[in-house]
């Protein structure tokens, strides 16, 4: 009996589903943001600040950024696994990208709740 050779990290369906869910969240946010922006009385700083001062819009924006960063993580990780063959280089790149994305989540939270 021949054993099949299994390679990769076996993420498969979970990552496929995560990419679709995060894409839907980002698309819904885009619609919500567009409607909110179109309903602004003018393009002043005060109007934009008012749009984002509500708890719902802050949470929706934060959810958008978390979805964006997770979507990016899955995509970049898959690209690295497919095209970067040396394990050490791939580990360093994974670590750098993961740390940057975690930092960006913190930065987005700081910006949103500093308003």
PDB file of N, CA and C in Angstrom:
ATOM      1  N   UNK A   1       0.836  -1.181   0.000  1.00  0.00           N
ATOM      2  CA  UNK A   1       0.000   0.000   0.000  1.00  0.00           C
ATOM      3  C   UNK A   1       0.881   1.245   0.000  1.00  0.00           C
ATOM      4  N   UNK A   2       0.521   2.188  -0.818  1.00  0.00           N
ATOM      5  CA  UNK A   2       1.298   3.420  -0.945  1.00  0.00           C
ATOM      6  C   UNK A   2       0.636   4.489  -0.091  1.00  0.00           C
ATOM      7  N   UNK A   3       1.443   5.101   0.781  1.00  0.00           N
ATOM      8  CA  UNK A   3       0.928   6.198   1.607  1.00  0.00           C
ATOM      9  C   UNK A   3       0.971   7.491   0.806  1.00  0.00           C
ATOM     10  N   UNK A   4      -0.101   8.247   0.841  1.00  0.00           N
ATOM     11  CA  UNK A   4      -0.051   9.542   0.139  1.00  0.00           C
ATOM     12  C   UNK A   4       0.865  10.513   0.874  1.00  0.00           C
ATOM     13  N   UNK A   5       1.542  11.337   0.103  1.00  0.00           N
ATOM     14  CA  UNK A   5       2.407  12.355   0.688  1.00  0.00           C
ATOM     15  C   UNK A   5       1.558  13.586   0.959  1.00  0.00           C
ATOM     16  N   UNK A   6       1.491  13.967   2.215  1.00  0.00           N
ATOM     17  CA  UNK A   6       0.702  15.128   2.602  1.00  0.00           C
ATOM     18  C   UNK A   6       1.657  16.251   2.958  1.00  0.00           C
ATOM     19  N   UNK A   7       1.481  17.366   2.293  1.00  0.00           N
ATOM     20  CA  UNK A   7       2.345  18.514   2.558  1.00  0.00           C
ATOM     21  C   UNK A   7       1.489  19.698   2.929  1.00  0.00           C
ATOM     22  N   UNK A   8       2.109  20.717   3.453  1.00  0.00           N
ATOM     23  CA  UNK A   8       1.383  21.930   3.820  1.00  0.00           C
ATOM     24  C   UNK A   8       0.927  21.874   5.260  1.00  0.00           C
ATOM     25  N   UNK A   9       0.187  22.869   5.628  1.00  0.00           N
ATOM     26  CA  UNK A   9      -0.217  23.008   7.025  1.00  0.00           C
ATOM     27  C   UNK A   9      -1.627  22.480   7.276  1.00  0.00           C
ATOM     28  N   UNK A  10      -2.303  21.978   6.256  1.00  0.00           N
ATOM     29  CA  UNK A  10      -3.632  21.375   6.395  1.00  0.00           C
ATOM     30  C   UNK A  10      -4.679  22.362   6.894  1.00  0.00           C
ATOM     31  N   UNK A  11      -4.629  23.598   6.451  1.00  0.00           N
ATOM     32  CA  UNK A  11      -5.614  24.574   6.897  1.00  0.00           C
ATOM     33  C   UNK A  11      -6.881  24.464   6.059  1.00  0.00           C
ATOM     34  N   UNK A  12      -6.726  24.307   4.770  1.00  0.00           N
ATOM     35  CA  UNK A  12      -7.802  24.037   3.850  1.00  0.00           C
ATOM     36  C   UNK A  12      -9.099  24.792   4.029  1.00  0.00           C
ATOM     37  N   UNK A  13     -10.142  24.056   4.420  1.00  0.00           N
ATOM     38  CA  UNK A  13     -11.488  24.611   4.497  1.00  0.00           C
ATOM     39  C   UNK A  13     -11.574  25.749   5.497  1.00  0.00           C
ATOM     40  N   UNK A  14     -10.901  25.654   6.625  1.00  0.00           N
ATOM     41  CA  UNK A  14     -10.969  26.706   7.646  1.00  0.00           C
ATOM     42  C   UNK A  14     -10.456  28.031   7.091  1.00  0.00           C
ATOM     43  N   UNK A  15      -9.356  28.002   6.380  1.00  0.00           N
ATOM     44  CA  UNK A  15      -8.822  29.233   5.802  1.00  0.00           C
ATOM     45  C   UNK A  15      -9.685  29.737   4.653  1.00  0.00           C
ATOM     46  N   UNK A  16     -10.216  28.828   3.857  1.00  0.00           N
ATOM     47  CA  UNK A  16     -11.109  29.227   2.780  1.00  0.00           C
ATOM     48  C   UNK A  16     -12.322  29.946   3.359  1.00  0.00           C
ATOM     49  N   UNK A  17     -12.895  29.374   4.418  1.00  0.00           N
ATOM     50  CA  UNK A  17     -14.061  29.980   5.058  1.00  0.00           C
ATOM     51  C   UNK A  17     -13.702  31.316   5.711  1.00  0.00           C
ATOM     52  N   UNK A  18     -12.536  31.392   6.361  1.00  0.00           N
ATOM     53  CA  UNK A  18     -12.103  32.643   6.994  1.00  0.00           C
ATOM     54  C   UNK A  18     -11.939  33.744   5.957  1.00  0.00           C
ATOM     55  N   UNK A  19     -11.380  33.415   4.795  1.00  0.00           N
ATOM     56  CA  UNK A  19     -11.224  34.412   3.737  1.00  0.00           C
ATOM     57  C   UNK A  19     -12.587  34.934   3.277  1.00  0.00           C
ATOM     58  N   UNK A  20     -13.559  34.039   3.159  1.00  0.00           N
ATOM     59  CA  UNK A  20     -14.890  34.449   2.693  1.00  0.00           C
ATOM     60  C   UNK A  20     -15.617  35.269   3.750  1.00  0.00           C
ATOM     61  N   UNK A  21     -15.540  34.847   5.007  1.00  0.00           N
ATOM     62  CA  UNK A  21     -16.223  35.567   6.085  1.00  0.00           C
ATOM     63  C   UNK A  21     -15.635  36.966   6.244  1.00  0.00           C
ATOM     64  N   UNK A  22     -14.312  37.069   6.250  1.00  0.00           N
ATOM     65  CA  UNK A  22     -13.696  38.387   6.398  1.00  0.00           C
ATOM     66  C   UNK A  22     -13.997  39.268   5.187  1.00  0.00           C
ATOM     67  N   UNK A  23     -14.085  38.687   4.000  1.00  0.00           N
ATOM     68  CA  UNK A  23     -14.435  39.468   2.812  1.00  0.00           C
ATOM     69  C   UNK A  23     -15.860  40.000   2.924  1.00  0.00           C
ATOM     70  N   UNK A  24     -16.785  39.189   3.438  1.00  0.00           N
ATOM     71  CA  UNK A  24     -18.171  39.636   3.610  1.00  0.00           C
ATOM     72  C   UNK A  24     -18.237  40.763   4.645  1.00  0.00           C
ATOM     73  N   UNK A  25     -17.501  40.616   5.750  1.00  0.00           N
ATOM     74  CA  UNK A  25     -17.488  41.664   6.782  1.00  0.00           C
ATOM     75  C   UNK A  25     -16.965  42.964   6.189  1.00  0.00           C
ATOM     76  N   UNK A  26     -15.890  42.890   5.412  1.00  0.00           N
ATOM     77  CA  UNK A  26     -15.332  44.104   4.808  1.00  0.00           C
ATOM     78  C   UNK A  26     -16.289  44.718   3.788  1.00  0.00           C
ATOM     79  N   UNK A  27     -16.982  43.880   3.024  1.00  0.00           N
ATOM     80  CA  UNK A  27     -17.943  44.394   2.038  1.00  0.00           C
ATOM     81  C   UNK A  27     -19.127  45.078   2.739  1.00  0.00           C
ATOM     82  N   UNK A  28     -19.638  44.474   3.803  1.00  0.00           N
ATOM     83  CA  UNK A  28     -20.743  45.088   4.551  1.00  0.00           C
ATOM     84  C   UNK A  28     -20.319  46.413   5.167  1.00  0.00           C
ATOM     85  N   UNK A  29     -19.121  46.445   5.728  1.00  0.00           N
ATOM     86  CA  UNK A  29     -18.627  47.697   6.305  1.00  0.00           C
ATOM     87  C   UNK A  29     -18.504  48.778   5.228  1.00  0.00           C
ATOM     88  N   UNK A  30     -18.040  48.391   4.050  1.00  0.00           N
ATOM     89  CA  UNK A  30     -17.892  49.350   2.965  1.00  0.00           C
ATOM     90  C   UNK A  30     -19.233  49.988   2.623  1.00  0.00           C
ATOM     91  N   UNK A  31     -20.285  49.187   2.599  1.00  0.00           N
ATOM     92  CA  UNK A  31     -21.630  49.718   2.325  1.00  0.00           C
ATOM     93  C   UNK A  31     -22.067  50.649   3.456  1.00  0.00           C
ATOM     94  N   UNK A  32     -21.867  50.216   4.711  1.00  0.00           N
ATOM     95  CA  UNK A  32     -22.249  51.035   5.869  1.00  0.00           C
ATOM     96  C   UNK A  32     -21.477  52.355   5.867  1.00  0.00           C
ATOM     97  N   UNK A  33     -20.190  52.282   5.598  1.00  0.00           N
ATOM     98  CA  UNK A  33     -19.359  53.483   5.560  1.00  0.00           C
ATOM     99  C   UNK A  33     -19.797  54.418   4.438  1.00  0.00           C
ATOM    100  N   UNK A  34     -20.063  53.853   3.257  1.00  0.00           N
ATOM    101  CA  UNK A  34     -20.476  54.685   2.121  1.00  0.00           C
ATOM    102  C   UNK A  34     -21.792  55.400   2.416  1.00  0.00           C
ATOM    103  N   UNK A  35     -22.746  54.686   3.008  1.00  0.00           N
ATOM    104  CA  UNK A  35     -24.024  55.315   3.348  1.00  0.00           C
ATOM    105  C   UNK A  35     -23.803  56.422   4.379  1.00  0.00           C
ATOM    106  N   UNK A  36     -23.002  56.131   5.408  1.00  0.00           N
ATOM    107  CA  UNK A  36     -22.714  57.141   6.427  1.00  0.00           C
ATOM    108  C   UNK A  36     -22.028  58.361   5.853  1.00  0.00           C
ATOM    109  N   UNK A  37     -21.083  58.144   4.938  1.00  0.00           N
ATOM    110  CA  UNK A  37     -20.364  59.264   4.326  1.00  0.00           C
ATOM    111  C   UNK A  37     -21.276  60.083   3.424  1.00  0.00           C
ATOM    112  N   UNK A  38     -22.163  59.406   2.717  1.00  0.00           N
ATOM    113  CA  UNK A  38     -23.081  60.134   1.835  1.00  0.00           C
ATOM    114  C   UNK A  38     -24.117  60.938   2.609  1.00  0.00           C
ATOM    115  N   UNK A  39     -24.422  60.507   3.819  1.00  0.00           N
ATOM    116  CA  UNK A  39     -25.411  61.216   4.621  1.00  0.00           C
ATOM    117  C   UNK A  39     -24.817  62.358   5.453  1.00  0.00           C
ATOM    118  N   UNK A  40     -23.512  62.553   5.377  1.00  0.00           N
ATOM    119  CA  UNK A  40     -22.892  63.657   6.099  1.00  0.00           C
ATOM    120  C   UNK A  40     -23.370  64.988   5.525  1.00  0.00           C
ATOM    121  N   UNK A  41     -23.637  65.962   6.389  1.00  0.00           N
ATOM    122  CA  UNK A  41     -24.099  67.257   5.879  1.00  0.00           C
ATOM    123  C   UNK A  41     -23.024  68.002   5.092  1.00  0.00           C
ATOM    124  N   UNK A  42     -21.768  67.860   5.484  1.00  0.00           N
ATOM    125  CA  UNK A  42     -20.663  68.490   4.759  1.00  0.00           C
ATOM    126  C   UNK A  42     -19.405  67.671   5.002  1.00  0.00           C
ATOM    127  N   UNK A  43     -18.306  68.098   4.421  1.00  0.00           N
ATOM    128  CA  UNK A  43     -17.057  67.353   4.548  1.00  0.00           C
ATOM    129  C   UNK A  43     -16.134  67.935   5.604  1.00  0.00           C
ATOM    130  N   UNK A  44     -16.687  68.508   6.628  1.00  0.00           N
ATOM    131  CA  UNK A  44     -15.864  69.133   7.659  1.00  0.00           C
ATOM    132  C   UNK A  44     -15.324  68.083   8.632  1.00  0.00           C
ATOM    133  N   UNK A  45     -14.308  68.481   9.351  1.00  0.00           N
ATOM    134  CA  UNK A  45     -13.715  67.618  10.361  1.00  0.00           C
ATOM    135  C   UNK A  45     -14.754  67.225  11.408  1.00  0.00           C
ATOM    136  N   UNK A  46     -15.588  68.166  11.802  1.00  0.00           N
ATOM    137  CA  UNK A  46     -16.591  67.912  12.831  1.00  0.00           C
ATOM    138  C   UNK A  46     -17.598  66.855  12.370  1.00  0.00           C
ATOM    139  N   UNK A  47     -17.972  66.897  11.095  1.00  0.00           N
ATOM    140  CA  UNK A  47     -18.912  65.899  10.570  1.00  0.00           C
ATOM    141  C   UNK A  47     -18.290  64.502  10.573  1.00  0.00           C
ATOM    142  N   UNK A  48     -17.049  64.408  10.129  1.00  0.00           N
ATOM    143  CA  UNK A  48     -16.384  63.105  10.122  1.00  0.00           C
ATOM    144  C   UNK A  48     -16.176  62.597  11.538  1.00  0.00           C
ATOM    145  N   UNK A  49     -15.806  63.492  12.431  1.00  0.00           N
ATOM    146  CA  UNK A  49     -15.637  63.093  13.828  1.00  0.00           C
ATOM    147  C   UNK A  49     -16.964  62.611  14.418  1.00  0.00           C
ATOM    148  N   UNK A  50     -18.047  63.298  14.061  1.00  0.00           N
ATOM    149  CA  UNK A  50     -19.364  62.883  14.517  1.00  0.00           C
ATOM    150  C   UNK A  50     -19.750  61.509  13.994  1.00  0.00           C
ATOM    151  N   UNK A  51     -19.370  61.220  12.760  1.00  0.00           N
ATOM    152  CA  UNK A  51     -19.665  59.905  12.190  1.00  0.00           C
ATOM    153  C   UNK A  51     -18.993  58.795  12.985  1.00  0.00           C
ATOM    154  N   UNK A  52     -17.754  59.016  13.369  1.00  0.00           N
ATOM    155  CA  UNK A  52     -16.994  57.984  14.063  1.00  0.00           C
ATOM    156  C   UNK A  52     -17.078  58.074  15.581  1.00  0.00           C
ATOM    157  N   UNK A  53     -17.806  59.048  16.110  1.00  0.00           N
ATOM    158  CA  UNK A  53     -17.881  59.167  17.569  1.00  0.00           C
ATOM    159  C   UNK A  53     -18.876  58.195  18.176  1.00  0.00           C
ATOM    160  N   UNK A  54     -19.796  57.679  17.389  1.00  0.00           N
ATOM    161  CA  UNK A  54     -20.757  56.710  17.900  1.00  0.00           C
ATOM    162  C   UNK A  54     -20.101  55.356  18.130  1.00  0.00           C
ATOM    163  N   UNK A  55     -20.547  54.670  19.147  1.00  0.00           N
ATOM    164  CA  UNK A  55     -19.961  53.379  19.489  1.00  0.00           C
ATOM    165  C   UNK A  55     -20.104  52.349  18.391  1.00  0.00           C
ATOM    166  N   UNK A  56     -21.241  52.385  17.664  1.00  0.00           N
ATOM    167  CA  UNK A  56     -21.448  51.410  16.602  1.00  0.00           C
ATOM    168  C   UNK A  56     -20.407  51.563  15.504  1.00  0.00           C
ATOM    169  N   UNK A  57     -20.189  52.800  15.052  1.00  0.00           N
ATOM    170  CA  UNK A  57     -19.247  53.018  13.949  1.00  0.00           C
ATOM    171  C   UNK A  57     -17.817  52.711  14.375  1.00  0.00           C
ATOM    172  N   UNK A  58     -17.475  53.024  15.622  1.00  0.00           N
ATOM    173  CA  UNK A  58     -16.138  52.673  16.113  1.00  0.00           C
ATOM    174  C   UNK A  58     -15.962  51.161  16.124  1.00  0.00           C
ATOM    175  N   UNK A  59     -16.958  50.444  16.636  1.00  0.00           N
ATOM    176  CA  UNK A  59     -16.865  48.988  16.680  1.00  0.00           C
ATOM    177  C   UNK A  59     -16.838  48.407  15.272  1.00  0.00           C
ATOM    178  N   UNK A  60     -17.697  48.906  14.377  1.00  0.00           N
ATOM    179  CA  UNK A  60     -17.735  48.398  13.008  1.00  0.00           C
ATOM    180  C   UNK A  60     -16.408  48.650  12.295  1.00  0.00           C
ATOM    181  N   UNK A  61     -15.825  49.812  12.518  1.00  0.00           N
ATOM    182  CA  UNK A  61     -14.532  50.118  11.898  1.00  0.00           C
ATOM    183  C   UNK A  61     -13.439  49.221  12.454  1.00  0.00           C
ATOM    184  N   UNK A  62     -13.456  49.002  13.768  1.00  0.00           N
ATOM    185  CA  UNK A  62     -12.459  48.116  14.367  1.00  0.00           C
ATOM    186  C   UNK A  62     -12.630  46.695  13.840  1.00  0.00           C
ATOM    187  N   UNK A  63     -13.865  46.229  13.725  1.00  0.00           N
ATOM    188  CA  UNK A  63     -14.132  44.901  13.171  1.00  0.00           C
ATOM    189  C   UNK A  63     -13.651  44.815  11.729  1.00  0.00           C
ATOM    190  N   UNK A  64     -13.832  45.897  10.973  1.00  0.00           N
ATOM    191  CA  UNK A  64     -13.330  45.943   9.603  1.00  0.00           C
ATOM    192  C   UNK A  64     -11.814  45.757   9.579  1.00  0.00           C
ATOM    193  N   UNK A  65     -11.105  46.493  10.439  1.00  0.00           N
ATOM    194  CA  UNK A  65      -9.645  46.393  10.434  1.00  0.00           C
ATOM    195  C   UNK A  65      -9.160  45.031  10.910  1.00  0.00           C
ATOM    196  N   UNK A  66      -9.811  44.457  11.906  1.00  0.00           N
ATOM    197  CA  UNK A  66      -9.431  43.112  12.353  1.00  0.00           C
ATOM    198  C   UNK A  66      -9.656  42.114  11.214  1.00  0.00           C
ATOM    199  N   UNK A  67     -10.782  42.241  10.521  1.00  0.00           N
ATOM    200  CA  UNK A  67     -11.067  41.360   9.385  1.00  0.00           C
ATOM    201  C   UNK A  67     -10.044  41.550   8.272  1.00  0.00           C
ATOM    202  N   UNK A  68      -9.708  42.804   7.998  1.00  0.00           N
ATOM    203  CA  UNK A  68      -8.714  43.097   6.964  1.00  0.00           C
ATOM    204  C   UNK A  68      -7.366  42.468   7.294  1.00  0.00           C
ATOM    205  N   UNK A  69      -6.941  42.630   8.546  1.00  0.00           N
ATOM    206  CA  UNK A  69      -5.637  42.099   8.928  1.00  0.00           C
ATOM    207  C   UNK A  69      -5.639  40.581   8.962  1.00  0.00           C
ATOM    208  N   UNK A  70      -6.737  39.958   9.394  1.00  0.00           N
ATOM    209  CA  UNK A  70      -6.790  38.491   9.387  1.00  0.00           C
ATOM    210  C   UNK A  70      -6.839  37.976   7.949  1.00  0.00           C
ATOM    211  N   UNK A  71      -7.584  38.655   7.099  1.00  0.00           N
ATOM    212  CA  UNK A  71      -7.655  38.309   5.682  1.00  0.00           C
ATOM    213  C   UNK A  71      -6.254  38.386   5.068  1.00  0.00           C
ATOM    214  N   UNK A  72      -5.542  39.448   5.382  1.00  0.00           N
ATOM    215  CA  UNK A  72      -4.178  39.616   4.877  1.00  0.00           C
ATOM    216  C   UNK A  72      -3.259  38.533   5.420  1.00  0.00           C
ATOM    217  N   UNK A  73      -3.412  38.197   6.702  1.00  0.00           N
ATOM    218  CA  UNK A  73      -2.559  37.174   7.306  1.00  0.00           C
ATOM    219  C   UNK A  73      -2.724  35.836   6.595  1.00  0.00           C
ATOM    220  N   UNK A  74      -3.951  35.428   6.358  1.00  0.00           N
ATOM    221  CA  UNK A  74      -4.191  34.132   5.704  1.00  0.00           C
ATOM    222  C   UNK A  74      -3.590  34.144   4.299  1.00  0.00           C
ATOM    223  N   UNK A  75      -3.801  35.215   3.574  1.00  0.00           N
ATOM    224  CA  UNK A  75      -3.266  35.295   2.218  1.00  0.00           C
ATOM    225  C   UNK A  75      -1.752  35.311   2.168  1.00  0.00           C
ATOM    226  N   UNK A  76      -1.143  36.146   2.993  1.00  0.00           N
ATOM    227  CA  UNK A  76       0.323  36.250   2.990  1.00  0.00           C
ATOM    228  C   UNK A  76       0.953  34.956   3.493  1.00  0.00           C
ATOM    229  N   UNK A  77       0.357  34.359   4.522  1.00  0.00           N
ATOM    230  CA  UNK A  77       0.883  33.096   5.046  1.00  0.00           C
ATOM    231  C   UNK A  77       0.856  32.018   3.975  1.00  0.00           C
ATOM    232  N   UNK A  78      -0.234  31.940   3.226  1.00  0.00           N
ATOM    233  CA  UNK A  78      -0.321  30.939   2.158  1.00  0.00           C
ATOM    234  C   UNK A  78       0.698  31.200   1.062  1.00  0.00           C
ATOM    235  N   UNK A  79       0.899  32.471   0.719  1.00  0.00           N
ATOM    236  CA  UNK A  79       1.910  32.801  -0.287  1.00  0.00           C
ATOM    237  C   UNK A  79       3.292  32.398   0.203  1.00  0.00           C
ATOM    238  N   UNK A  80       3.608  32.703   1.456  1.00  0.00           N
ATOM    239  CA  UNK A  80       4.908  32.316   2.007  1.00  0.00           C
ATOM    240  C   UNK A  80       5.079  30.802   2.012  1.00  0.00           C
ATOM    241  N   UNK A  81       4.032  30.068   2.409  1.00  0.00           N
ATOM    242  CA  UNK A  81       4.141  28.607   2.458  1.00  0.00           C
ATOM    243  C   UNK A  81       4.331  28.022   1.065  1.00  0.00           C
ATOM    244  N   UNK A  82       3.733  28.651   0.054  1.00  0.00           N
ATOM    245  CA  UNK A  82       3.844  28.131  -1.310  1.00  0.00           C
ATOM    246  C   UNK A  82       5.167  28.480  -1.978  1.00  0.00           C
ATOM    247  N   UNK A  83       5.693  29.676  -1.715  1.00  0.00           N
ATOM    248  CA  UNK A  83       6.817  30.153  -2.510  1.00  0.00           C
ATOM    249  C   UNK A  83       8.129  30.351  -1.757  1.00  0.00           C
ATOM    250  N   UNK A  84       8.124  30.375  -0.445  1.00  0.00           N
ATOM    251  CA  UNK A  84       9.365  30.529   0.321  1.00  0.00           C
ATOM    252  C   UNK A  84       9.729  29.153   0.866  1.00  0.00           C
ATOM    253  N   UNK A  85      10.707  28.524   0.270  1.00  0.00           N
ATOM    254  CA  UNK A  85      11.030  27.146   0.638  1.00  0.00           C
ATOM    255  C   UNK A  85      11.929  27.019   1.877  1.00  0.00           C
ATOM    256  N   UNK A  86      12.950  27.869   2.064  1.00  0.00           N
ATOM    257  CA  UNK A  86      13.774  27.718   3.277  1.00  0.00           C
ATOM    258  C   UNK A  86      12.940  27.999   4.538  1.00  0.00           C
ATOM    259  N   UNK A  87      12.908  27.038   5.433  1.00  0.00           N
ATOM    260  CA  UNK A  87      12.056  27.133   6.617  1.00  0.00           C
ATOM    261  C   UNK A  87      12.416  28.323   7.494  1.00  0.00           C
ATOM    262  N   UNK A  88      13.698  28.592   7.681  1.00  0.00           N
ATOM    263  CA  UNK A  88      14.122  29.706   8.526  1.00  0.00           C
ATOM    264  C   UNK A  88      13.665  31.047   7.984  1.00  0.00           C
ATOM    265  N   UNK A  89      13.809  31.240   6.695  1.00  0.00           N
ATOM    266  CA  UNK A  89      13.386  32.492   6.065  1.00  0.00           C
ATOM    267  C   UNK A  89      11.872  32.644   6.195  1.00  0.00           C
ATOM    268  N   UNK A  90      11.156  31.551   5.945  1.00  0.00           N
ATOM    269  CA  UNK A  90       9.698  31.588   6.047  1.00  0.00           C
ATOM    270  C   UNK A  90       9.260  31.914   7.472  1.00  0.00           C
ATOM    271  N   UNK A  91       9.924  31.342   8.470  1.00  0.00           N
ATOM    272  CA  UNK A  91       9.600  31.615   9.869  1.00  0.00           C
ATOM    273  C   UNK A  91       9.828  33.082  10.207  1.00  0.00           C
ATOM    274  N   UNK A  92      10.935  33.639   9.753  1.00  0.00           N
ATOM    275  CA  UNK A  92      11.224  35.056  10.004  1.00  0.00           C
ATOM    276  C   UNK A  92      10.168  35.935   9.344  1.00  0.00           C
ATOM    277  N   UNK A  93       9.830  35.631   8.095  1.00  0.00           N
ATOM    278  CA  UNK A  93       8.814  36.425   7.394  1.00  0.00           C
ATOM    279  C   UNK A  93       7.448  36.307   8.065  1.00  0.00           C
ATOM    280  N   UNK A  94       7.074  35.095   8.474  1.00  0.00           N
ATOM    281  CA  UNK A  94       5.808  34.908   9.199  1.00  0.00           C
ATOM    282  C   UNK A  94       5.801  35.742  10.477  1.00  0.00           C
ATOM    283  N   UNK A  95       6.894  35.707  11.199  1.00  0.00           N
ATOM    284  CA  UNK A  95       6.972  36.442  12.460  1.00  0.00           C
ATOM    285  C   UNK A  95       6.873  37.943  12.243  1.00  0.00           C
ATOM    286  N   UNK A  96       7.577  38.450  11.260  1.00  0.00           N
ATOM    287  CA  UNK A  96       7.552  39.887  10.980  1.00  0.00           C
ATOM    288  C   UNK A  96       6.139  40.324  10.589  1.00  0.00           C
ATOM    289  N   UNK A  97       5.512  39.580   9.696  1.00  0.00           N
ATOM    290  CA  UNK A  97       4.162  39.938   9.252  1.00  0.00           C
ATOM    291  C   UNK A  97       3.172  39.848  10.416  1.00  0.00           C
ATOM    292  N   UNK A  98       3.262  38.788  11.216  1.00  0.00           N
ATOM    293  CA  UNK A  98       2.346  38.625  12.352  1.00  0.00           C
ATOM    294  C   UNK A  98       2.509  39.773  13.346  1.00  0.00           C
ATOM    295  N   UNK A  99       3.734  40.129  13.673  1.00  0.00           N
ATOM    296  CA  UNK A  99       3.968  41.226  14.614  1.00  0.00           C
ATOM    297  C   UNK A  99       3.470  42.563  14.053  1.00  0.00           C
ATOM    298  N   UNK A 100       3.697  42.796  12.769  1.00  0.00           N
ATOM    299  CA  UNK A 100       3.201  44.027  12.153  1.00  0.00           C
ATOM    300  C   UNK A 100       1.675  44.093  12.197  1.00  0.00           C
ATOM    301  N   UNK A 101       1.013  42.997  11.850  1.00  0.00           N
ATOM    302  CA  UNK A 101      -0.448  42.999  11.833  1.00  0.00           C
ATOM    303  C   UNK A 101      -1.026  43.161  13.236  1.00  0.00           C
ATOM    304  N   UNK A 102      -0.411  42.542  14.229  1.00  0.00           N
ATOM    305  CA  UNK A 102      -0.860  42.720  15.619  1.00  0.00           C
ATOM    306  C   UNK A 102      -0.663  44.173  16.039  1.00  0.00           C
ATOM    307  N   UNK A 103       0.463  44.749  15.663  1.00  0.00           N
ATOM    308  CA  UNK A 103       0.707  46.161  15.959  1.00  0.00           C
ATOM    309  C   UNK A 103      -0.299  47.073  15.277  1.00  0.00           C
ATOM    310  N   UNK A 104      -0.662  46.739  14.052  1.00  0.00           N
ATOM    311  CA  UNK A 104      -1.651  47.545  13.331  1.00  0.00           C
ATOM    312  C   UNK A 104      -3.024  47.474  13.991  1.00  0.00           C
ATOM    313  N   UNK A 105      -3.381  46.317  14.535  1.00  0.00           N
ATOM    314  CA  UNK A 105      -4.660  46.203  15.254  1.00  0.00           C
ATOM    315  C   UNK A 105      -4.653  47.129  16.468  1.00  0.00           C
ATOM    316  N   UNK A 106      -3.557  47.121  17.217  1.00  0.00           N
ATOM    317  CA  UNK A 106      -3.439  48.014  18.365  1.00  0.00           C
ATOM    318  C   UNK A 106      -3.477  49.477  17.964  1.00  0.00           C
ATOM    319  N   UNK A 107      -2.828  49.798  16.876  1.00  0.00           N
ATOM    320  CA  UNK A 107      -2.799  51.168  16.383  1.00  0.00           C
ATOM    321  C   UNK A 107      -4.195  51.609  15.955  1.00  0.00           C
ATOM    322  N   UNK A 108      -4.926  50.734  15.264  1.00  0.00           N
ATOM    323  CA  UNK A 108      -6.295  51.058  14.852  1.00  0.00           C
ATOM    324  C   UNK A 108      -7.181  51.299  16.076  1.00  0.00           C
ATOM    325  N   UNK A 109      -7.037  50.468  17.103  1.00  0.00           N
ATOM    326  CA  UNK A 109      -7.829  50.652  18.339  1.00  0.00           C
ATOM    327  C   UNK A 109      -7.482  51.979  18.986  1.00  0.00           C
ATOM    328  N   UNK A 110      -6.208  52.296  19.043  1.00  0.00           N
ATOM    329  CA  UNK A 110      -5.787  53.560  19.650  1.00  0.00           C
ATOM    330  C   UNK A 110      -6.373  54.752  18.891  1.00  0.00           C
ATOM    331  N   UNK A 111      -6.347  54.704  17.583  1.00  0.00           N
ATOM    332  CA  UNK A 111      -6.891  55.808  16.783  1.00  0.00           C
ATOM    333  C   UNK A 111      -8.399  55.925  16.983  1.00  0.00           C
ATOM    334  N   UNK A 112      -9.095  54.797  16.929  1.00  0.00           N
ATOM    335  CA  UNK A 112     -10.559  54.834  17.006  1.00  0.00           C
ATOM    336  C   UNK A 112     -11.067  55.306  18.352  1.00  0.00           C
ATOM    337  N   UNK A 113     -10.423  54.872  19.426  1.00  0.00           N
ATOM    338  CA  UNK A 113     -10.941  55.230  20.744  1.00  0.00           C
ATOM    339  C   UNK A 113     -10.275  56.471  21.338  1.00  0.00           C
ATOM    340  N   UNK A 114      -9.412  57.113  20.546  1.00  0.00           N
ATOM    341  CA  UNK A 114      -8.850  58.386  20.959  1.00  0.00           C
ATOM    342  C   UNK A 114      -9.770  59.524  20.580  1.00  0.00           C
ATOM    343  N   UNK A 115     -10.689  59.268  19.659  1.00  0.00           N
ATOM    344  CA  UNK A 115     -11.630  60.307  19.234  1.00  0.00           C
ATOM    345  C   UNK A 115     -12.365  60.758  20.425  1.00  0.00           C
TER     346      UNK A 115
END
